[in-house]
Amino acid sequence: MPNRTVFFISDGTGITAETFGNAILAQFEATVRRVRLPFLDSVDKAHQAVRQINHTAEVEGRRPLVFATVVNMEVLAVVKEHCHGMMLDMFGTFVEPLEEELGIKSNHRVGRFSDASKSKEYNDRIEAINFALMHDDGQSHRDLEGSDVILVGVSRSGKTPTSLYLAMQHGLKASNYPLIPEDFERRKLPPALMPHRKKIFGLTIAPERLSEIRNERRPNSRYASLENCRAEVSEAEAMMRREGIRWLSTTTKSIEEIATTILQEIRPERLAY
């Protein structure tokens, strides 16, 4: 049974509430049931949310936790006045003290995606995602010069999810190339990558973990065998050392940790937050 139900409520997407709330909850050894209530953009929707929260409190016999990022003051007032949960108003906690410190009022914008069609940063992200998809797994050599970073590594070492994360989260144009047996036989990087060495970052992985991942895709194949994985990883790491490529192991790292390390090393000028 969960220790507590947690609600993430917002008059926007709720991504901020959920991200911050989960970061806080990770500090506790507690099992929680998560409920997302985005787009509470009217008083009527606020009352509906309050009824759901209060019903949960009554059924479970304890207060739900409520992480809120609500900008609309009328909506927020309904929740604060009638909600029987433990209310954690994130904008109230951080925005109001900042308004006082800075001596200016916040713009009370509903979320980072409001009026996205007019946002250059948002459109840059879309362009970066399309770029990452077009340049996934060495599919295209076109406009590699436009890459902010080029990831290399053996198949299934984490290149594709990292490329997409960098595009979606930071608006960076990330290409990725698999290192294959032909590259190891030549003992050189793929020719298309040679002019862009400064943008290359390598990913490696423990052979045992690589074999597990590949067996999920192609069970009992030579591609997934531990022997083959050991050989490929060894050759890939040797090539990275020879070529002076910066690299890290993805074995125990999350996509967020991998991306953060890459950003620290590459330090691209065009970086969106």
Protein backbone atom coordinates (compact mmCIF):
# COMPACT_ATOMS: atom_id res chain seq x y z
CA MET A 1 0.00 0.00 0.00
CA PRO A 2 1.28 3.52 -0.77
CA ASN A 3 2.30 5.63 2.21
CA ARG A 4 0.64 8.71 0.74
CA THR A 5 -1.09 10.02 -2.37
CA VAL A 6 0.63 12.96 -4.05
CA PHE A 7 -1.15 15.40 -6.35
CA PHE A 8 0.69 17.60 -8.86
CA ILE A 9 -1.63 20.44 -9.84
CA SER A 10 -1.08 23.32 -12.24
CA ASP A 11 -2.87 25.71 -14.57
CA GLY A 12 -0.19 24.75 -17.11
CA THR A 13 1.34 21.39 -17.99
CA GLY A 14 2.39 20.62 -14.40
CA ILE A 15 5.88 19.62 -15.53
CA THR A 16 7.52 22.05 -13.09
CA ALA A 17 5.40 20.87 -10.16
CA GLU A 18 6.08 17.23 -10.96
CA THR A 19 9.82 17.68 -11.53
CA PHE A 20 10.34 19.66 -8.35
CA GLY A 21 7.99 17.50 -6.31
CA ASN A 22 9.65 14.26 -7.39
CA ALA A 23 13.06 15.72 -6.56
CA ILE A 24 11.84 16.46 -3.03
CA LEU A 25 10.12 13.09 -2.63
CA ALA A 26 13.29 11.28 -3.70
CA GLN A 27 14.80 12.32 -0.36
CA PHE A 28 12.34 10.09 1.50
CA GLU A 29 11.97 6.32 1.71
CA ALA A 30 8.26 6.49 1.00
CA THR A 31 5.97 4.75 -1.46
CA VAL A 32 3.60 7.25 -3.04
CA ARG A 33 0.74 7.20 -5.51
CA ARG A 34 1.08 10.05 -8.00
CA VAL A 35 -1.89 11.88 -9.50
CA ARG A 36 -1.41 14.55 -12.18
CA LEU A 37 -3.98 17.34 -12.56
CA PRO A 38 -2.76 19.76 -15.26
CA PHE A 39 -4.57 22.64 -16.99
CA LEU A 40 -6.62 23.83 -13.98
CA ASP A 41 -7.37 27.08 -15.80
CA SER A 42 -10.81 27.88 -14.36
CA VAL A 43 -12.51 28.10 -10.99
CA ASP A 44 -14.79 25.21 -11.96
CA LYS A 45 -11.79 22.95 -12.67
CA ALA A 46 -10.26 24.05 -9.37
CA HIS A 47 -13.36 22.91 -7.48
CA GLN A 48 -13.27 19.57 -9.33
CA ALA A 49 -9.64 19.09 -8.32
CA VAL A 50 -10.42 20.00 -4.71
CA ARG A 51 -13.24 17.42 -4.61
CA GLN A 52 -10.85 14.74 -5.87
CA ILE A 53 -8.15 15.67 -3.35
CA ASN A 54 -10.62 15.82 -0.45
CA HIS A 55 -12.21 12.50 -1.43
CA THR A 56 -8.74 10.90 -1.37
CA ALA A 57 -8.12 12.38 2.09
CA GLU A 58 -11.41 10.96 3.35
CA VAL A 59 -10.88 7.48 1.88
CA GLU A 60 -7.24 7.13 2.95
CA GLY A 61 -7.63 8.80 6.31
CA ARG A 62 -4.62 11.09 5.85
CA ARG A 63 -3.81 14.27 4.02
CA PRO A 64 -2.56 13.93 0.45
CA LEU A 65 0.50 15.96 -0.49
CA VAL A 66 -0.27 18.66 -3.06
CA PHE A 67 2.55 20.21 -5.11
CA ALA A 68 1.10 23.22 -6.91
CA THR A 69 2.33 25.60 -9.59
CA VAL A 70 -0.79 27.69 -10.08
CA VAL A 71 -0.43 31.24 -11.41
CA ASN A 72 -4.12 32.16 -11.69
CA MET A 73 -4.93 33.74 -8.34
CA GLU A 74 -8.65 32.86 -8.43
CA VAL A 75 -7.86 29.20 -9.08
CA LEU A 76 -5.18 29.21 -6.39
CA ALA A 77 -7.55 30.80 -3.86
CA VAL A 78 -10.11 28.00 -4.38
CA VAL A 79 -7.51 25.31 -3.82
CA LYS A 80 -5.95 26.99 -0.79
CA GLU A 81 -9.30 27.67 0.88
CA HIS A 82 -10.98 24.30 0.34
CA CYS A 83 -8.22 21.71 -0.13
CA HIS A 84 -7.75 19.21 2.73
CA GLY A 85 -4.28 18.19 1.56
CA MET A 86 -0.87 19.44 2.64
CA MET A 87 -0.50 22.31 0.18
CA LEU A 88 2.98 23.13 -1.16
CA ASP A 89 2.54 26.27 -3.26
CA MET A 90 5.81 26.42 -5.14
CA PHE A 91 5.26 29.79 -6.80
CA GLY A 92 4.13 31.31 -3.51
CA THR A 93 7.20 29.87 -1.78
CA PHE A 94 9.73 31.15 -4.31
CA VAL A 95 8.20 33.82 -6.55
CA GLU A 96 6.81 36.12 -3.87
CA PRO A 97 10.09 36.39 -1.90
CA LEU A 98 11.92 37.02 -5.18
CA GLU A 99 9.46 39.78 -6.10
CA GLU A 100 10.22 41.45 -2.77
CA GLU A 101 13.98 40.99 -3.13
CA LEU A 102 14.16 42.18 -6.75
CA GLY A 103 11.64 44.96 -6.28
CA ILE A 104 9.64 43.91 -9.34
CA LYS A 105 6.53 41.86 -10.02
CA SER A 106 6.74 38.55 -11.86
CA ASN A 107 4.91 38.27 -15.18
CA HIS A 108 2.66 35.47 -13.80
CA ARG A 109 3.06 33.53 -17.01
CA VAL A 110 1.37 30.13 -17.12
CA GLY A 111 4.24 27.73 -17.79
CA ARG A 112 7.26 27.76 -20.06
CA PHE A 113 5.18 26.57 -23.04
CA SER A 114 2.71 29.47 -23.09
CA ASP A 115 2.47 31.13 -26.51
CA ALA A 116 5.04 28.63 -27.74
CA SER A 117 4.44 29.44 -31.41
CA LYS A 118 6.06 32.85 -30.93
CA SER A 119 9.01 31.59 -28.89
CA LYS A 120 12.35 31.32 -30.67
CA GLU A 121 13.65 29.00 -27.95
CA TYR A 122 10.70 26.65 -28.41
CA ASN A 123 11.10 26.59 -32.19
CA ASP A 124 14.83 25.94 -31.75
CA ARG A 125 13.94 22.88 -29.69
CA ILE A 126 11.64 21.58 -32.42
CA GLU A 127 14.37 22.11 -35.00
CA ALA A 128 16.89 20.34 -32.75
CA ILE A 129 14.58 17.34 -32.27
CA ASN A 130 14.11 17.02 -36.04
CA PHE A 131 17.88 17.29 -36.47
CA ALA A 132 18.52 14.55 -33.89
CA LEU A 133 16.02 12.22 -35.59
CA MET A 134 17.52 12.88 -39.02
CA HIS A 135 21.06 12.24 -37.76
CA ASP A 136 20.26 9.25 -35.56
CA ASP A 137 22.47 6.17 -35.88
CA GLY A 138 24.53 7.67 -38.71
CA GLN A 139 21.52 7.95 -41.03
CA SER A 140 22.66 11.21 -42.63
CA HIS A 141 25.98 12.98 -43.24
CA ARG A 142 24.17 16.13 -44.30
CA ASP A 143 24.93 19.26 -42.27
CA LEU A 144 27.09 17.53 -39.68
CA GLU A 145 28.80 20.90 -39.38
CA GLY A 146 25.57 22.12 -37.80
CA SER A 147 25.86 19.62 -34.93
CA ASP A 148 26.51 21.00 -31.47
CA VAL A 149 27.74 17.55 -30.43
CA ILE A 150 28.32 14.21 -32.17
CA LEU A 151 27.98 11.12 -29.99
CA VAL A 152 29.84 7.93 -30.89
CA GLY A 153 29.82 4.48 -29.32
CA VAL A 154 28.84 0.88 -29.92
CA SER A 155 25.23 0.02 -30.68
CA ARG A 156 22.90 0.33 -27.64
CA SER A 157 25.30 2.36 -25.50
CA GLY A 158 22.77 5.17 -24.99
CA LYS A 159 23.46 7.47 -27.94
CA THR A 160 19.90 7.91 -29.24
CA PRO A 161 18.13 8.72 -25.94
CA THR A 162 20.95 11.10 -24.99
CA SER A 163 20.73 12.87 -28.36
CA LEU A 164 16.99 13.32 -28.00
CA TYR A 165 17.28 14.51 -24.40
CA LEU A 166 19.85 17.14 -25.40
CA ALA A 167 17.53 18.29 -28.18
CA MET A 168 14.32 18.33 -26.13
CA GLN A 169 15.73 19.71 -22.90
CA HIS A 170 18.45 22.05 -24.16
CA GLY A 171 17.68 22.72 -27.83
CA LEU A 172 21.01 21.27 -28.94
CA LYS A 173 21.53 19.66 -32.34
CA ALA A 174 22.98 16.26 -31.52
CA SER A 175 24.09 13.67 -34.07
CA ASN A 176 25.08 10.13 -33.21
CA TYR A 177 27.12 7.48 -34.98
CA PRO A 178 27.52 3.80 -34.13
CA LEU A 179 31.03 2.37 -34.06
CA ILE A 180 30.92 -0.89 -36.03
CA PRO A 181 33.36 -3.77 -36.80
CA GLU A 182 34.43 -2.09 -40.08
CA ASP A 183 35.61 0.95 -38.11
CA PHE A 184 37.57 -1.29 -35.75
CA GLU A 185 39.23 -3.09 -38.68
CA ARG A 186 40.28 0.27 -40.18
CA ARG A 187 41.30 1.45 -36.69
CA LYS A 188 39.85 4.84 -37.59
CA LEU A 189 36.72 6.86 -36.99
CA PRO A 190 34.10 6.90 -39.76
CA PRO A 191 35.46 9.23 -42.49
CA ALA A 192 32.45 11.56 -42.28
CA LEU A 193 33.33 12.39 -38.67
CA MET A 194 36.99 13.26 -39.15
CA PRO A 195 36.45 16.98 -39.94
CA HIS A 196 34.34 17.40 -36.79
CA ARG A 197 36.56 15.83 -34.14
CA LYS A 198 36.18 18.73 -31.68
CA LYS A 199 32.44 18.07 -31.45
CA ILE A 200 32.75 14.32 -30.82
CA PHE A 201 31.96 12.78 -27.45
CA GLY A 202 32.13 9.04 -26.80
CA LEU A 203 29.80 6.76 -24.84
CA THR A 204 30.82 3.34 -23.61
CA ILE A 205 29.15 0.74 -21.42
CA ALA A 206 30.06 -2.36 -19.38
CA PRO A 207 29.94 -5.43 -21.68
CA GLU A 208 27.75 -7.34 -19.23
CA ARG A 209 25.12 -4.58 -19.23
CA LEU A 210 25.39 -4.21 -23.00
CA SER A 211 24.75 -7.91 -23.46
CA GLU A 212 21.62 -7.68 -21.28
CA ILE A 213 20.26 -4.76 -23.33
CA ARG A 214 21.00 -6.40 -26.66
CA ASN A 215 19.45 -9.69 -25.57
CA GLU A 216 16.18 -7.87 -25.00
CA ARG A 217 16.25 -6.90 -28.67
CA ARG A 218 17.89 -9.93 -30.29
CA PRO A 219 17.91 -12.87 -27.85
CA ASN A 220 20.63 -15.50 -28.19
CA SER A 221 22.27 -13.74 -31.15
CA ARG A 222 25.98 -13.24 -31.75
CA TYR A 223 25.22 -9.49 -31.65
CA ALA A 224 24.08 -9.88 -28.02
CA SER A 225 26.64 -12.45 -26.88
CA LEU A 226 28.86 -11.42 -23.98
CA GLU A 227 31.97 -12.38 -25.96
CA ASN A 228 31.02 -10.09 -28.85
CA CYS A 229 30.03 -7.25 -26.50
CA ARG A 230 33.39 -7.48 -24.73
CA ALA A 231 35.22 -7.33 -28.04
CA GLU A 232 33.23 -4.36 -29.36
CA VAL A 233 33.52 -2.34 -26.15
CA SER A 234 37.26 -3.02 -25.93
CA GLU A 235 37.81 -1.92 -29.53
CA ALA A 236 35.63 1.17 -29.13
CA GLU A 237 37.40 2.32 -25.98
CA ALA A 238 40.80 1.72 -27.60
CA MET A 239 39.75 3.86 -30.58
CA MET A 240 38.54 6.67 -28.33
CA ARG A 241 41.86 6.68 -26.50
CA ARG A 242 43.83 6.68 -29.77
CA GLU A 243 41.77 9.51 -31.22
CA GLY A 244 41.83 11.59 -28.02
CA ILE A 245 38.03 11.57 -27.74
CA ARG A 246 36.39 12.52 -24.46
CA TRP A 247 34.14 9.71 -23.24
CA LEU A 248 32.27 8.26 -20.30
CA SER A 249 30.59 5.02 -19.29
CA THR A 250 26.79 5.03 -19.33
CA THR A 251 26.52 1.78 -17.33
CA THR A 252 25.22 3.25 -14.09
CA LYS A 253 24.32 6.78 -15.21
CA SER A 254 20.94 8.27 -15.99
CA ILE A 255 20.34 10.17 -19.24
CA GLU A 256 20.30 13.38 -17.20
CA GLU A 257 23.73 12.63 -15.72
CA ILE A 258 25.16 11.70 -19.13
CA ALA A 259 23.82 14.90 -20.71
CA THR A 260 25.11 17.08 -17.86
CA THR A 261 28.61 15.61 -18.21
CA ILE A 262 28.55 16.19 -21.97
CA LEU A 263 27.46 19.81 -21.50
CA GLN A 264 30.29 20.42 -19.04
CA GLU A 265 32.80 19.05 -21.52
CA ILE A 266 31.47 20.44 -24.80
CA ARG A 267 30.21 23.76 -23.43
CA PRO A 268 28.17 24.72 -26.52
CA GLU A 269 27.58 28.44 -27.03
CA ARG A 270 23.93 27.86 -28.01
CA LEU A 271 22.39 26.37 -24.91
CA ALA A 272 18.71 26.75 -24.02
CA TYR A 273 17.19 26.36 -20.53
